[in-house]
Amino acid sequence: MIFTHQFVKHDGFLVMSGKDNVAVVLNDKHSGDTVDVSGNSLQLRDDINFGHKFAITPIEKGAEVIKYGEVIGVASENILPGQHVHVHNVKSLRGGNNGQSSGLSQ
């Protein structure tokens, strides 16, 4: 799935760039919730808290994780659409921490 828009605020989440493979949650979402991502129905696989991310496309282990059109890390495992994307499955590329996550929300 390729998104051609540059900024889309959906009901409860945000996709900032057509390059993004994650969306940012604007209010808490729950496992099993169904969201519409650019006309495609997607069921969330995890609880996702405000400000956190979920995958909107499959992200293979070693692939770039892209938020706001920028690479923020590399998937440390395969990530399915609707799955929470955070420090447990992303190796951060930000900061001087030798690739280790800072524990901060990305």
Protein backbone atom coordinates (compact mmCIF):
# COMPACT_ATOMS: atom_id res chain seq x y z
CA MET A 1 0.00 0.00 0.00
CA ILE A 2 1.42 3.38 -0.99
CA PHE A 3 -0.03 6.62 0.32
CA THR A 4 0.07 9.63 -1.97
CA HIS A 5 -1.07 12.29 0.48
CA GLN A 6 1.22 14.37 2.67
CA PHE A 7 -0.92 14.82 5.78
CA VAL A 8 -4.01 12.93 6.85
CA LYS A 9 -5.65 13.17 10.24
CA HIS A 10 -7.92 10.20 10.64
CA ASP A 11 -10.33 9.56 13.46
CA GLY A 12 -7.91 9.17 16.34
CA PHE A 13 -4.60 8.88 14.49
CA LEU A 14 -2.29 10.78 12.18
CA VAL A 15 -0.28 9.94 9.06
CA MET A 16 2.03 12.83 8.16
CA SER A 17 3.65 11.66 4.93
CA GLY A 18 2.97 9.34 2.05
CA LYS A 19 6.30 7.68 2.95
CA ASP A 20 5.12 6.71 6.45
CA ASN A 21 4.67 3.06 7.37
CA VAL A 22 3.39 3.95 10.85
CA ALA A 23 0.57 6.12 12.18
CA VAL A 24 0.59 8.09 15.44
CA VAL A 25 -2.35 7.60 17.81
CA LEU A 26 -4.13 10.77 18.98
CA ASN A 27 -6.23 8.96 21.58
CA ASP A 28 -5.87 5.56 23.21
CA LYS A 29 -6.82 2.64 20.97
CA HIS A 30 -7.45 -0.96 21.97
CA SER A 31 -6.57 -4.35 20.55
CA GLY A 32 -9.37 -5.37 18.21
CA ASP A 33 -10.37 -1.79 17.32
CA THR A 34 -10.84 -1.33 13.60
CA VAL A 35 -9.47 1.81 11.96
CA ASP A 36 -9.76 3.11 8.41
CA VAL A 37 -6.39 3.93 6.87
CA SER A 38 -6.95 5.69 3.54
CA GLY A 39 -9.94 3.51 2.68
CA ASN A 40 -8.42 0.29 3.99
CA SER A 41 -9.85 -1.34 7.11
CA LEU A 42 -7.17 -2.34 9.61
CA GLN A 43 -7.68 -4.17 12.92
CA LEU A 44 -5.31 -3.20 15.72
CA ARG A 45 -3.41 -6.14 17.19
CA ASP A 46 -2.34 -4.39 20.41
CA ASP A 47 -3.44 -1.64 22.78
CA ILE A 48 -1.86 1.60 21.55
CA ASN A 49 -1.53 4.55 23.93
CA PHE A 50 -1.73 8.23 23.01
CA GLY A 51 1.38 9.36 21.11
CA HIS A 52 2.49 5.84 20.26
CA LYS A 53 2.59 4.25 16.81
CA PHE A 54 1.09 1.32 14.96
CA ALA A 55 2.18 -0.17 11.65
CA ILE A 56 0.00 0.69 8.66
CA THR A 57 1.89 -1.64 6.33
CA PRO A 58 3.94 -4.79 6.96
CA ILE A 59 7.46 -3.88 8.12
CA GLU A 60 10.02 -6.64 7.71
CA LYS A 61 12.86 -7.19 10.16
CA GLY A 62 15.71 -4.87 9.13
CA ALA A 63 13.42 -2.51 7.20
CA GLU A 64 13.25 1.21 7.93
CA VAL A 65 10.49 2.51 10.19
CA ILE A 66 9.26 5.82 8.78
CA LYS A 67 7.32 8.44 10.76
CA TYR A 68 6.60 12.00 9.55
CA GLY A 69 8.45 11.12 6.35
CA GLU A 70 11.71 10.44 8.23
CA VAL A 71 13.47 7.20 9.11
CA ILE A 72 13.31 6.83 12.90
CA GLY A 73 14.68 3.32 13.23
CA VAL A 74 14.95 -0.19 11.90
CA ALA A 75 12.55 -3.00 12.71
CA SER A 76 14.20 -5.51 15.06
CA GLU A 77 11.53 -8.09 14.16
CA ASN A 78 8.75 -8.46 11.59
CA ILE A 79 5.92 -6.03 12.38
CA LEU A 80 2.40 -6.68 11.12
CA PRO A 81 -0.11 -3.99 10.17
CA GLY A 82 -2.01 -2.93 13.28
CA GLN A 83 0.81 -3.93 15.61
CA HIS A 84 2.26 -1.52 18.21
CA VAL A 85 5.56 -0.05 17.00
CA HIS A 86 7.86 0.99 19.84
CA VAL A 87 11.15 0.17 21.57
CA HIS A 88 10.35 -3.55 21.81
CA ASN A 89 10.42 -3.99 18.02
CA VAL A 90 12.42 -1.01 16.69
CA LYS A 91 16.13 -0.28 16.93
CA SER A 92 16.36 3.50 17.18
CA LEU A 93 18.60 5.49 14.85
CA ARG A 94 18.22 8.66 16.90
CA GLY A 95 20.69 10.01 19.40
CA GLY A 96 24.16 8.87 20.35
CA ASN A 97 23.15 5.62 21.99
CA ASN A 98 24.89 3.17 19.65
CA GLY A 99 21.59 2.23 18.08
CA GLN A 100 20.00 1.29 21.39
CA SER A 101 16.62 2.74 22.15
CA SER A 102 16.57 5.62 24.58
CA GLY A 103 13.26 4.37 25.97
CA LEU A 104 11.61 7.59 24.84
CA SER A 105 8.51 7.52 22.70
CA GLN A 106 9.52 7.95 19.09
